[in-house]
PDB file of N, CA and C in Angstrom:
ATOM      1  N   MET A   1       0.798  -1.055   0.056  1.00  0.00           N
ATOM      2  CA  MET A   1       0.036  -0.144  -0.233  1.00  0.00           C
ATOM      3  C   MET A   1       0.916   1.413  -0.002  1.00  0.00           C
ATOM      4  N   PHE A   2       1.955   1.345   0.605  1.00  0.00           N
ATOM      5  CA  PHE A   2       2.827   2.426   0.779  1.00  0.00           C
ATOM      6  C   PHE A   2       3.981   2.138  -0.480  1.00  0.00           C
ATOM      7  N   LEU A   3       3.665   2.510  -1.712  1.00  0.00           N
ATOM      8  CA  LEU A   3       4.819   2.016  -2.932  1.00  0.00           C
ATOM      9  C   LEU A   3       5.789   3.447  -3.227  1.00  0.00           C
ATOM     10  N   ILE A   4       5.314   4.521  -2.487  1.00  0.00           N
ATOM     11  CA  ILE A   4       5.858   5.748  -2.684  1.00  0.00           C
ATOM     12  C   ILE A   4       6.481   6.059  -1.567  1.00  0.00           C
ATOM     13  N   SER A   5       7.989   6.100  -1.696  1.00  0.00           N
ATOM     14  CA  SER A   5       8.944   6.596  -0.659  1.00  0.00           C
ATOM     15  C   SER A   5       8.594   8.007  -0.186  1.00  0.00           C
ATOM     16  N   ASP A   6       8.986   8.492   1.065  1.00  0.00           N
ATOM     17  CA  ASP A   6       9.116   9.859   1.588  1.00  0.00           C
ATOM     18  C   ASP A   6      10.008  10.647   0.692  1.00  0.00           C
ATOM     19  N   ALA A   7       9.476  12.007   0.458  1.00  0.00           N
ATOM     20  CA  ALA A   7      10.401  12.771  -0.152  1.00  0.00           C
ATOM     21  C   ALA A   7      11.038  13.809   0.787  1.00  0.00           C
ATOM     22  N   TYR A   8      12.425  14.200   0.800  1.00  0.00           N
ATOM     23  CA  TYR A   8      12.834  15.135   1.619  1.00  0.00           C
ATOM     24  C   TYR A   8      13.456  16.079   0.918  1.00  0.00           C
ATOM     25  N   ALA A   9      13.314  17.303   1.245  1.00  0.00           N
ATOM     26  CA  ALA A   9      13.959  18.586   0.740  1.00  0.00           C
ATOM     27  C   ALA A   9      15.499  18.615   0.902  1.00  0.00           C
ATOM     28  N   GLN A  10      16.126  18.783  -0.260  1.00  0.00           N
ATOM     29  CA  GLN A  10      17.625  18.813  -0.169  1.00  0.00           C
ATOM     30  C   GLN A  10      17.973  20.386  -0.249  1.00  0.00           C
ATOM     31  N   ALA A  11      19.378  20.575   0.383  1.00  0.00           N
ATOM     32  CA  ALA A  11      19.860  21.839   0.334  1.00  0.00           C
ATOM     33  C   ALA A  11      20.235  22.548  -0.771  1.00  0.00           C
ATOM     34  N   GLY A  12      19.782  23.699  -1.310  1.00  0.00           N
ATOM     35  CA  GLY A  12      20.188  24.090  -2.740  1.00  0.00           C
ATOM     36  C   GLY A  12      21.485  24.457  -2.858  1.00  0.00           C
ATOM     37  N   ALA A  13      22.074  24.513  -3.937  1.00  0.00           N
ATOM     38  CA  ALA A  13      23.235  24.892  -4.311  1.00  0.00           C
ATOM     39  C   ALA A  13      23.857  26.346  -3.881  1.00  0.00           C
ATOM     40  N   ALA A  14      24.797  26.513  -3.291  1.00  0.00           N
ATOM     41  CA  ALA A  14      25.341  27.627  -2.978  1.00  0.00           C
ATOM     42  C   ALA A  14      25.290  28.666  -4.301  1.00  0.00           C
ATOM     43  N   PRO A  15      25.082  30.093  -3.894  1.00  0.00           N
ATOM     44  CA  PRO A  15      24.872  30.978  -5.196  1.00  0.00           C
ATOM     45  C   PRO A  15      26.331  31.361  -5.404  1.00  0.00           C
ATOM     46  N   ALA A  16      26.461  31.338  -6.822  1.00  0.00           N
ATOM     47  CA  ALA A  16      27.935  31.757  -7.515  1.00  0.00           C
ATOM     48  C   ALA A  16      28.361  32.910  -7.019  1.00  0.00           C
ATOM     49  N   ALA A  17      29.631  33.147  -6.914  1.00  0.00           N
ATOM     50  CA  ALA A  17      30.075  34.575  -6.389  1.00  0.00           C
ATOM     51  C   ALA A  17      30.310  35.714  -7.570  1.00  0.00           C
ATOM     52  N   GLY A  18      29.598  36.666  -7.358  1.00  0.00           N
ATOM     53  CA  GLY A  18      29.536  38.015  -8.499  1.00  0.00           C
ATOM     54  C   GLY A  18      28.286  37.579  -9.408  1.00  0.00           C
ATOM     55  N   GLY A  19      27.405  36.888  -8.971  1.00  0.00           N
ATOM     56  CA  GLY A  19      26.400  36.622  -9.842  1.00  0.00           C
ATOM     57  C   GLY A  19      25.616  37.683 -10.388  1.00  0.00           C
ATOM     58  N   GLY A  20      25.585  38.850  -9.540  1.00  0.00           N
ATOM     59  CA  GLY A  20      24.866  39.877 -10.115  1.00  0.00           C
ATOM     60  C   GLY A  20      25.316  40.619 -11.324  1.00  0.00           C
ATOM     61  N   ILE A  21      26.558  40.673 -11.286  1.00  0.00           N
ATOM     62  CA  ILE A  21      27.055  41.503 -12.758  1.00  0.00           C
ATOM     63  C   ILE A  21      27.329  40.749 -13.667  1.00  0.00           C
ATOM     64  N   ALA A  22      27.707  39.358 -13.251  1.00  0.00           N
ATOM     65  CA  ALA A  22      27.795  38.413 -14.344  1.00  0.00           C
ATOM     66  C   ALA A  22      26.707  38.031 -15.374  1.00  0.00           C
ATOM     67  N   SER A  23      25.514  38.294 -14.335  1.00  0.00           N
ATOM     68  CA  SER A  23      24.094  37.841 -15.039  1.00  0.00           C
ATOM     69  C   SER A  23      23.929  39.009 -16.170  1.00  0.00           C
ATOM     70  N   PHE A  24      24.251  40.041 -15.795  1.00  0.00           N
ATOM     71  CA  PHE A  24      24.068  41.286 -16.974  1.00  0.00           C
ATOM     72  C   PHE A  24      24.911  41.379 -17.931  1.00  0.00           C
ATOM     73  N   LEU A  25      26.050  40.726 -17.899  1.00  0.00           N
ATOM     74  CA  LEU A  25      27.091  40.813 -18.789  1.00  0.00           C
ATOM     75  C   LEU A  25      26.662  40.398 -20.350  1.00  0.00           C
ATOM     76  N   PRO A  26      25.855  39.160 -20.547  1.00  0.00           N
ATOM     77  CA  PRO A  26      25.363  38.856 -21.692  1.00  0.00           C
ATOM     78  C   PRO A  26      24.358  40.033 -22.541  1.00  0.00           C
ATOM     79  N   LEU A  27      23.580  40.338 -21.511  1.00  0.00           N
ATOM     80  CA  LEU A  27      22.626  41.359 -21.738  1.00  0.00           C
ATOM     81  C   LEU A  27      23.536  42.593 -22.423  1.00  0.00           C
ATOM     82  N   VAL A  28      24.351  43.012 -21.732  1.00  0.00           N
ATOM     83  CA  VAL A  28      25.254  44.194 -22.031  1.00  0.00           C
ATOM     84  C   VAL A  28      25.982  43.987 -23.317  1.00  0.00           C
ATOM     85  N   LEU A  29      26.442  42.805 -23.602  1.00  0.00           N
ATOM     86  CA  LEU A  29      27.327  42.520 -24.803  1.00  0.00           C
ATOM     87  C   LEU A  29      26.231  42.411 -26.004  1.00  0.00           C
ATOM     88  N   MET A  30      24.974  41.663 -25.775  1.00  0.00           N
ATOM     89  CA  MET A  30      23.836  41.790 -26.913  1.00  0.00           C
ATOM     90  C   MET A  30      23.616  43.371 -27.268  1.00  0.00           C
ATOM     91  N   PHE A  31      23.523  44.321 -26.228  1.00  0.00           N
ATOM     92  CA  PHE A  31      23.174  45.720 -26.636  1.00  0.00           C
ATOM     93  C   PHE A  31      24.347  46.422 -27.478  1.00  0.00           C
ATOM     94  N   VAL A  32      25.445  45.980 -26.901  1.00  0.00           N
ATOM     95  CA  VAL A  32      26.449  46.591 -27.905  1.00  0.00           C
ATOM     96  C   VAL A  32      26.626  45.928 -29.209  1.00  0.00           C
ATOM     97  N   ALA A  33      26.461  44.900 -29.456  1.00  0.00           N
ATOM     98  CA  ALA A  33      26.587  44.015 -30.927  1.00  0.00           C
ATOM     99  C   ALA A  33      25.294  44.811 -31.669  1.00  0.00           C
ATOM    100  N   LEU A  34      24.017  44.898 -30.988  1.00  0.00           N
ATOM    101  CA  LEU A  34      22.976  45.360 -31.654  1.00  0.00           C
ATOM    102  C   LEU A  34      23.409  46.902 -32.276  1.00  0.00           C
ATOM    103  N   TYR A  35      23.622  47.604 -31.392  1.00  0.00           N
ATOM    104  CA  TYR A  35      24.295  49.093 -31.668  1.00  0.00           C
ATOM    105  C   TYR A  35      25.074  49.206 -32.792  1.00  0.00           C
ATOM    106  N   PHE A  36      26.124  48.308 -32.882  1.00  0.00           N
ATOM    107  CA  PHE A  36      27.084  48.501 -33.959  1.00  0.00           C
ATOM    108  C   PHE A  36      26.452  47.782 -35.326  1.00  0.00           C
ATOM    109  N   LEU A  37      25.671  46.646 -35.000  1.00  0.00           N
ATOM    110  CA  LEU A  37      25.475  46.100 -36.180  1.00  0.00           C
ATOM    111  C   LEU A  37      23.827  46.552 -36.981  1.00  0.00           C
ATOM    112  N   MET A  38      23.203  47.548 -36.306  1.00  0.00           N
ATOM    113  CA  MET A  38      21.934  47.896 -36.645  1.00  0.00           C
ATOM    114  C   MET A  38      21.533  49.268 -36.288  1.00  0.00           C
ATOM    115  N   ILE A  39      21.733  50.005 -35.327  1.00  0.00           N
ATOM    116  CA  ILE A  39      21.609  51.259 -35.032  1.00  0.00           C
ATOM    117  C   ILE A  39      22.582  52.253 -35.632  1.00  0.00           C
ATOM    118  N   ARG A  40      23.766  52.212 -35.395  1.00  0.00           N
ATOM    119  CA  ARG A  40      24.833  53.045 -35.990  1.00  0.00           C
ATOM    120  C   ARG A  40      24.648  53.136 -37.541  1.00  0.00           C
ATOM    121  N   PRO A  41      24.783  51.931 -38.199  1.00  0.00           N
ATOM    122  CA  PRO A  41      24.566  51.874 -39.769  1.00  0.00           C
ATOM    123  C   PRO A  41      23.235  52.766 -40.303  1.00  0.00           C
ATOM    124  N   GLN A  42      22.327  52.740 -39.325  1.00  0.00           N
ATOM    125  CA  GLN A  42      21.009  53.190 -39.744  1.00  0.00           C
ATOM    126  C   GLN A  42      21.064  54.716 -39.437  1.00  0.00           C
ATOM    127  N   MET A  43      21.729  55.023 -38.458  1.00  0.00           N
ATOM    128  CA  MET A  43      21.917  56.550 -38.156  1.00  0.00           C
ATOM    129  C   MET A  43      22.758  57.305 -39.391  1.00  0.00           C
ATOM    130  N   LYS A  44      23.992  56.345 -39.804  1.00  0.00           N
ATOM    131  CA  LYS A  44      24.866  56.777 -40.580  1.00  0.00           C
ATOM    132  C   LYS A  44      24.079  57.196 -42.252  1.00  0.00           C
ATOM    133  N   ARG A  45      23.031  56.176 -42.448  1.00  0.00           N
ATOM    134  CA  ARG A  45      22.277  56.393 -43.663  1.00  0.00           C
ATOM    135  C   ARG A  45      21.272  57.420 -43.712  1.00  0.00           C
ATOM    136  N   GLN A  46      20.611  57.710 -42.620  1.00  0.00           N
ATOM    137  CA  GLN A  46      19.918  58.851 -42.235  1.00  0.00           C
ATOM    138  C   GLN A  46      20.533  60.188 -42.565  1.00  0.00           C
ATOM    139  N   LYS A  47      21.940  60.077 -41.882  1.00  0.00           N
ATOM    140  CA  LYS A  47      22.656  61.578 -42.108  1.00  0.00           C
ATOM    141  C   LYS A  47      23.317  61.774 -43.454  1.00  0.00           C
ATOM    142  N   GLU A  48      23.498  60.548 -44.429  1.00  0.00           N
ATOM    143  CA  GLU A  48      23.783  60.630 -45.716  1.00  0.00           C
ATOM    144  C   GLU A  48      22.618  61.200 -46.496  1.00  0.00           C
ATOM    145  N   THR A  49      21.241  60.502 -46.245  1.00  0.00           N
ATOM    146  CA  THR A  49      20.132  61.177 -46.718  1.00  0.00           C
ATOM    147  C   THR A  49      19.797  62.337 -46.524  1.00  0.00           C
ATOM    148  N   LYS A  50      20.003  63.109 -45.406  1.00  0.00           N
ATOM    149  CA  LYS A  50      19.658  64.250 -45.131  1.00  0.00           C
ATOM    150  C   LYS A  50      20.621  65.104 -46.037  1.00  0.00           C
ATOM    151  N   THR A  51      21.960  65.031 -45.888  1.00  0.00           N
ATOM    152  CA  THR A  51      22.916  65.657 -46.620  1.00  0.00           C
ATOM    153  C   THR A  51      22.404  65.627 -47.995  1.00  0.00           C
ATOM    154  N   MET A  52      22.203  64.711 -48.863  1.00  0.00           N
ATOM    155  CA  MET A  52      21.772  64.607 -49.898  1.00  0.00           C
ATOM    156  C   MET A  52      20.530  65.396 -50.447  1.00  0.00           C
ATOM    157  N   LEU A  53      19.577  65.315 -49.545  1.00  0.00           N
ATOM    158  CA  LEU A  53      18.121  66.100 -49.864  1.00  0.00           C
ATOM    159  C   LEU A  53      18.599  67.505 -49.474  1.00  0.00           C
ATOM    160  N   GLU A  54      19.529  68.008 -48.648  1.00  0.00           N
ATOM    161  CA  GLU A  54      19.776  69.422 -48.598  1.00  0.00           C
ATOM    162  C   GLU A  54      20.670  70.129 -49.780  1.00  0.00           C
ATOM    163  N   ALA A  55      21.363  69.137 -50.393  1.00  0.00           N
ATOM    164  CA  ALA A  55      22.106  69.756 -51.527  1.00  0.00           C
ATOM    165  C   ALA A  55      21.630  69.388 -52.746  1.00  0.00           C
ATOM    166  N   LEU A  56      20.296  69.262 -52.838  1.00  0.00           N
ATOM    167  CA  LEU A  56      19.557  68.949 -54.192  1.00  0.00           C
ATOM    168  C   LEU A  56      19.538  70.458 -54.791  1.00  0.00           C
ATOM    169  N   ALA A  57      19.661  70.645 -55.967  1.00  0.00           N
ATOM    170  CA  ALA A  57      19.688  71.796 -56.680  1.00  0.00           C
ATOM    171  C   ALA A  57      18.887  71.604 -58.145  1.00  0.00           C
ATOM    172  N   LYS A  58      18.625  72.903 -58.729  1.00  0.00           N
ATOM    173  CA  LYS A  58      17.840  72.654 -60.036  1.00  0.00           C
ATOM    174  C   LYS A  58      18.761  72.111 -61.152  1.00  0.00           C
ATOM    175  N   GLY A  59      18.154  71.128 -61.907  1.00  0.00           N
ATOM    176  CA  GLY A  59      19.054  70.410 -62.893  1.00  0.00           C
ATOM    177  C   GLY A  59      19.471  69.244 -62.626  1.00  0.00           C
ATOM    178  N   ASP A  60      19.326  68.968 -61.315  1.00  0.00           N
ATOM    179  CA  ASP A  60      19.788  67.533 -60.953  1.00  0.00           C
ATOM    180  C   ASP A  60      19.080  66.744 -61.476  1.00  0.00           C
ATOM    181  N   GLU A  61      19.694  65.443 -61.612  1.00  0.00           N
ATOM    182  CA  GLU A  61      18.733  64.302 -62.118  1.00  0.00           C
ATOM    183  C   GLU A  61      18.561  63.319 -61.015  1.00  0.00           C
ATOM    184  N   VAL A  62      17.422  62.805 -60.806  1.00  0.00           N
ATOM    185  CA  VAL A  62      17.154  62.261 -59.507  1.00  0.00           C
ATOM    186  C   VAL A  62      16.262  61.030 -59.994  1.00  0.00           C
ATOM    187  N   VAL A  63      16.282  60.039 -58.889  1.00  0.00           N
ATOM    188  CA  VAL A  63      15.170  59.054 -58.677  1.00  0.00           C
ATOM    189  C   VAL A  63      14.340  58.868 -57.483  1.00  0.00           C
ATOM    190  N   THR A  64      13.081  58.885 -57.722  1.00  0.00           N
ATOM    191  CA  THR A  64      12.153  58.777 -56.834  1.00  0.00           C
ATOM    192  C   THR A  64      11.961  57.460 -56.256  1.00  0.00           C
ATOM    193  N   GLN A  65      11.370  57.419 -55.009  1.00  0.00           N
ATOM    194  CA  GLN A  65      10.894  56.189 -54.482  1.00  0.00           C
ATOM    195  C   GLN A  65      10.090  55.188 -55.191  1.00  0.00           C
ATOM    196  N   GLY A  66       9.233  55.910 -56.271  1.00  0.00           N
ATOM    197  CA  GLY A  66       8.565  55.080 -57.132  1.00  0.00           C
ATOM    198  C   GLY A  66       9.249  54.348 -58.243  1.00  0.00           C
ATOM    199  N   GLY A  67      10.407  54.810 -58.449  1.00  0.00           N
ATOM    200  CA  GLY A  67      11.138  54.628 -59.502  1.00  0.00           C
ATOM    201  C   GLY A  67      11.328  55.497 -60.872  1.00  0.00           C
ATOM    202  N   VAL A  68      10.654  56.818 -60.516  1.00  0.00           N
ATOM    203  CA  VAL A  68      10.517  57.743 -61.575  1.00  0.00           C
ATOM    204  C   VAL A  68      11.926  58.560 -61.867  1.00  0.00           C
ATOM    205  N   ILE A  69      12.330  58.663 -62.863  1.00  0.00           N
ATOM    206  CA  ILE A  69      13.631  59.069 -63.118  1.00  0.00           C
ATOM    207  C   ILE A  69      13.336  60.612 -63.716  1.00  0.00           C
ATOM    208  N   GLY A  70      13.945  61.631 -63.565  1.00  0.00           N
ATOM    209  CA  GLY A  70      13.767  62.848 -64.058  1.00  0.00           C
ATOM    210  C   GLY A  70      14.714  64.032 -63.622  1.00  0.00           C
ATOM    211  N   LYS A  71      14.364  65.206 -64.047  1.00  0.00           N
ATOM    212  CA  LYS A  71      15.358  66.234 -63.832  1.00  0.00           C
ATOM    213  C   LYS A  71      14.541  67.230 -63.000  1.00  0.00           C
ATOM    214  N   ILE A  72      15.162  67.791 -61.970  1.00  0.00           N
ATOM    215  CA  ILE A  72      14.668  68.681 -60.956  1.00  0.00           C
ATOM    216  C   ILE A  72      14.536  70.012 -61.956  1.00  0.00           C
ATOM    217  N   THR A  73      13.335  70.671 -61.973  1.00  0.00           N
ATOM    218  CA  THR A  73      13.206  71.978 -62.586  1.00  0.00           C
ATOM    219  C   THR A  73      12.906  73.052 -61.718  1.00  0.00           C
ATOM    220  N   LYS A  74      12.207  72.647 -60.422  1.00  0.00           N
ATOM    221  CA  LYS A  74      12.050  73.842 -59.500  1.00  0.00           C
ATOM    222  C   LYS A  74      12.019  72.809 -58.181  1.00  0.00           C
ATOM    223  N   LEU A  75      12.550  73.867 -57.153  1.00  0.00           N
ATOM    224  CA  LEU A  75      12.804  73.363 -55.772  1.00  0.00           C
ATOM    225  C   LEU A  75      12.102  74.270 -54.917  1.00  0.00           C
ATOM    226  N   GLY A  76      11.275  73.614 -54.087  1.00  0.00           N
ATOM    227  CA  GLY A  76      10.919  74.391 -52.721  1.00  0.00           C
ATOM    228  C   GLY A  76      11.305  73.857 -51.455  1.00  0.00           C
ATOM    229  N   GLU A  77      10.763  74.253 -50.357  1.00  0.00           N
ATOM    230  CA  GLU A  77      11.285  73.558 -48.980  1.00  0.00           C
ATOM    231  C   GLU A  77      10.773  72.176 -48.786  1.00  0.00           C
ATOM    232  N   THR A  78       9.635  72.087 -49.249  1.00  0.00           N
ATOM    233  CA  THR A  78       9.442  70.464 -48.822  1.00  0.00           C
ATOM    234  C   THR A  78       8.898  69.714 -50.230  1.00  0.00           C
ATOM    235  N   PHE A  79       8.774  70.415 -51.302  1.00  0.00           N
ATOM    236  CA  PHE A  79       8.387  69.800 -52.636  1.00  0.00           C
ATOM    237  C   PHE A  79       9.425  70.109 -53.614  1.00  0.00           C
ATOM    238  N   ALA A  80       9.531  69.345 -54.768  1.00  0.00           N
ATOM    239  CA  ALA A  80      10.245  69.479 -55.767  1.00  0.00           C
ATOM    240  C   ALA A  80       9.735  69.169 -57.000  1.00  0.00           C
ATOM    241  N   ASN A  81       9.362  70.018 -58.366  1.00  0.00           N
ATOM    242  CA  ASN A  81       9.062  69.583 -59.534  1.00  0.00           C
ATOM    243  C   ASN A  81      10.075  68.873 -60.172  1.00  0.00           C
ATOM    244  N   VAL A  82       9.703  67.701 -60.580  1.00  0.00           N
ATOM    245  CA  VAL A  82      10.611  66.888 -61.633  1.00  0.00           C
ATOM    246  C   VAL A  82      10.087  66.764 -62.789  1.00  0.00           C
ATOM    247  N   GLU A  83      10.691  66.995 -64.038  1.00  0.00           N
ATOM    248  CA  GLU A  83      10.480  66.788 -65.350  1.00  0.00           C
ATOM    249  C   GLU A  83      10.823  65.482 -65.790  1.00  0.00           C
ATOM    250  N   VAL A  84       9.741  64.608 -66.163  1.00  0.00           N
ATOM    251  CA  VAL A  84      10.010  63.211 -66.379  1.00  0.00           C
ATOM    252  C   VAL A  84       9.895  63.055 -68.229  1.00  0.00           C
ATOM    253  N   ALA A  85       9.334  64.124 -68.566  1.00  0.00           N
ATOM    254  CA  ALA A  85       9.381  63.958 -70.146  1.00  0.00           C
ATOM    255  C   ALA A  85       9.048  65.419 -70.850  1.00  0.00           C
ATOM    256  N   ASN A  86       9.491  65.748 -71.892  1.00  0.00           N
ATOM    257  CA  ASN A  86       9.212  67.202 -72.434  1.00  0.00           C
ATOM    258  C   ASN A  86       7.733  67.592 -72.057  1.00  0.00           C
ATOM    259  N   GLY A  87       7.829  68.740 -71.211  1.00  0.00           N
ATOM    260  CA  GLY A  87       6.514  69.195 -70.768  1.00  0.00           C
ATOM    261  C   GLY A  87       5.741  68.646 -69.959  1.00  0.00           C
ATOM    262  N   VAL A  88       6.307  67.455 -69.148  1.00  0.00           N
ATOM    263  CA  VAL A  88       5.566  66.592 -67.965  1.00  0.00           C
ATOM    264  C   VAL A  88       6.520  66.774 -66.960  1.00  0.00           C
ATOM    265  N   GLU A  89       5.479  67.372 -66.074  1.00  0.00           N
ATOM    266  CA  GLU A  89       6.505  67.599 -64.682  1.00  0.00           C
ATOM    267  C   GLU A  89       5.641  67.156 -63.573  1.00  0.00           C
ATOM    268  N   LEU A  90       6.209  66.361 -62.660  1.00  0.00           N
ATOM    269  CA  LEU A  90       5.529  66.024 -61.262  1.00  0.00           C
ATOM    270  C   LEU A  90       5.994  66.697 -60.267  1.00  0.00           C
ATOM    271  N   GLN A  91       4.910  66.873 -59.247  1.00  0.00           N
ATOM    272  CA  GLN A  91       5.309  67.440 -58.018  1.00  0.00           C
ATOM    273  C   GLN A  91       5.704  66.513 -57.229  1.00  0.00           C
ATOM    274  N   VAL A  92       6.776  66.300 -56.453  1.00  0.00           N
ATOM    275  CA  VAL A  92       6.899  65.182 -55.445  1.00  0.00           C
ATOM    276  C   VAL A  92       7.635  65.765 -54.227  1.00  0.00           C
ATOM    277  N   GLN A  93       7.562  65.173 -52.971  1.00  0.00           N
ATOM    278  CA  GLN A  93       7.991  65.712 -51.945  1.00  0.00           C
ATOM    279  C   GLN A  93       9.608  65.677 -52.001  1.00  0.00           C
ATOM    280  N   ARG A  94      10.228  66.338 -51.122  1.00  0.00           N
ATOM    281  CA  ARG A  94      11.679  66.202 -51.379  1.00  0.00           C
ATOM    282  C   ARG A  94      12.171  64.839 -50.679  1.00  0.00           C
ATOM    283  N   VAL A  95      11.531  64.660 -49.692  1.00  0.00           N
ATOM    284  CA  VAL A  95      12.024  63.288 -49.038  1.00  0.00           C
ATOM    285  C   VAL A  95      11.600  61.782 -49.784  1.00  0.00           C
ATOM    286  N   ALA A  96      11.082  62.053 -51.128  1.00  0.00           N
ATOM    287  CA  ALA A  96      10.622  60.988 -51.830  1.00  0.00           C
ATOM    288  C   ALA A  96      11.932  60.788 -52.919  1.00  0.00           C
ATOM    289  N   ILE A  97      12.710  61.725 -52.891  1.00  0.00           N
ATOM    290  CA  ILE A  97      13.892  61.601 -53.739  1.00  0.00           C
ATOM    291  C   ILE A  97      15.028  60.707 -53.141  1.00  0.00           C
ATOM    292  N   ILE A  98      15.402  59.612 -53.749  1.00  0.00           N
ATOM    293  CA  ILE A  98      16.202  58.778 -52.996  1.00  0.00           C
ATOM    294  C   ILE A  98      17.487  58.538 -53.729  1.00  0.00           C
ATOM    295  N   GLN A  99      17.734  59.222 -54.785  1.00  0.00           N
ATOM    296  CA  GLN A  99      19.189  59.238 -55.255  1.00  0.00           C
ATOM    297  C   GLN A  99      19.346  60.194 -56.416  1.00  0.00           C
ATOM    298  N   VAL A 100      20.501  60.828 -56.258  1.00  0.00           N
ATOM    299  CA  VAL A 100      20.867  61.902 -57.374  1.00  0.00           C
ATOM    300  C   VAL A 100      21.763  61.063 -58.323  1.00  0.00           C
ATOM    301  N   LEU A 101      21.210  61.036 -59.458  1.00  0.00           N
ATOM    302  CA  LEU A 101      22.196  60.595 -60.661  1.00  0.00           C
ATOM    303  C   LEU A 101      23.328  61.322 -61.254  1.00  0.00           C
ATOM    304  N   PRO A 102      24.386  60.676 -61.765  1.00  0.00           N
ATOM    305  CA  PRO A 102      25.496  61.501 -62.189  1.00  0.00           C
ATOM    306  C   PRO A 102      25.079  62.298 -63.436  1.00  0.00           C
ATOM    307  N   LYS A 103      25.334  63.408 -63.426  1.00  0.00           N
ATOM    308  CA  LYS A 103      25.229  64.533 -64.741  1.00  0.00           C
ATOM    309  C   LYS A 103      25.262  63.697 -66.094  1.00  0.00           C
ATOM    310  N   GLY A 104      24.211  63.620 -66.932  1.00  0.00           N
ATOM    311  CA  GLY A 104      24.123  63.282 -68.216  1.00  0.00           C
ATOM    312  C   GLY A 104      23.684  61.799 -68.264  1.00  0.00           C
ATOM    313  N   SER A 105      23.106  61.150 -66.913  1.00  0.00           N
ATOM    314  CA  SER A 105      22.967  59.838 -67.316  1.00  0.00           C
ATOM    315  C   SER A 105      21.355  59.611 -67.613  1.00  0.00           C
ATOM    316  N   TYR A 106      20.740  60.761 -67.391  1.00  0.00           N
ATOM    317  CA  TYR A 106      19.197  60.714 -67.936  1.00  0.00           C
ATOM    318  C   TYR A 106      19.080  61.413 -69.300  1.00  0.00           C
ATOM    319  N   SER A 107      18.499  60.740 -69.979  1.00  0.00           N
ATOM    320  CA  SER A 107      18.251  61.570 -71.327  1.00  0.00           C
ATOM    321  C   SER A 107      16.839  61.036 -71.706  1.00  0.00           C
ATOM    322  N   LYS A 108      15.998  62.172 -72.234  1.00  0.00           N
ATOM    323  CA  LYS A 108      14.603  61.863 -72.593  1.00  0.00           C
ATOM    324  C   LYS A 108      14.310  61.288 -73.854  1.00  0.00           C
TER     325      LYS A 108
END
């Protein structure tokens, strides 16, 4: 009738010395890796994009986010007019311009 033997509690293992700081070390190392692999390159790309958008000038040949290629004919603070064909202009936001092409690479 008594097939199960009695269970007694055992003493737990002694805590490791320096466990508080050592347990946070992997978390800190993961954050450092995340910073150098993801956050820092993204900040660098944002800075390059901002510099490119500030340097836009009339006559620059550009590509928009939609893949439209054209030449800037008029620049405003937030908008730019891009000529995509003879007599055809599109008004786009400056932030929609993703690349400035080398001069002469766009021909109608």
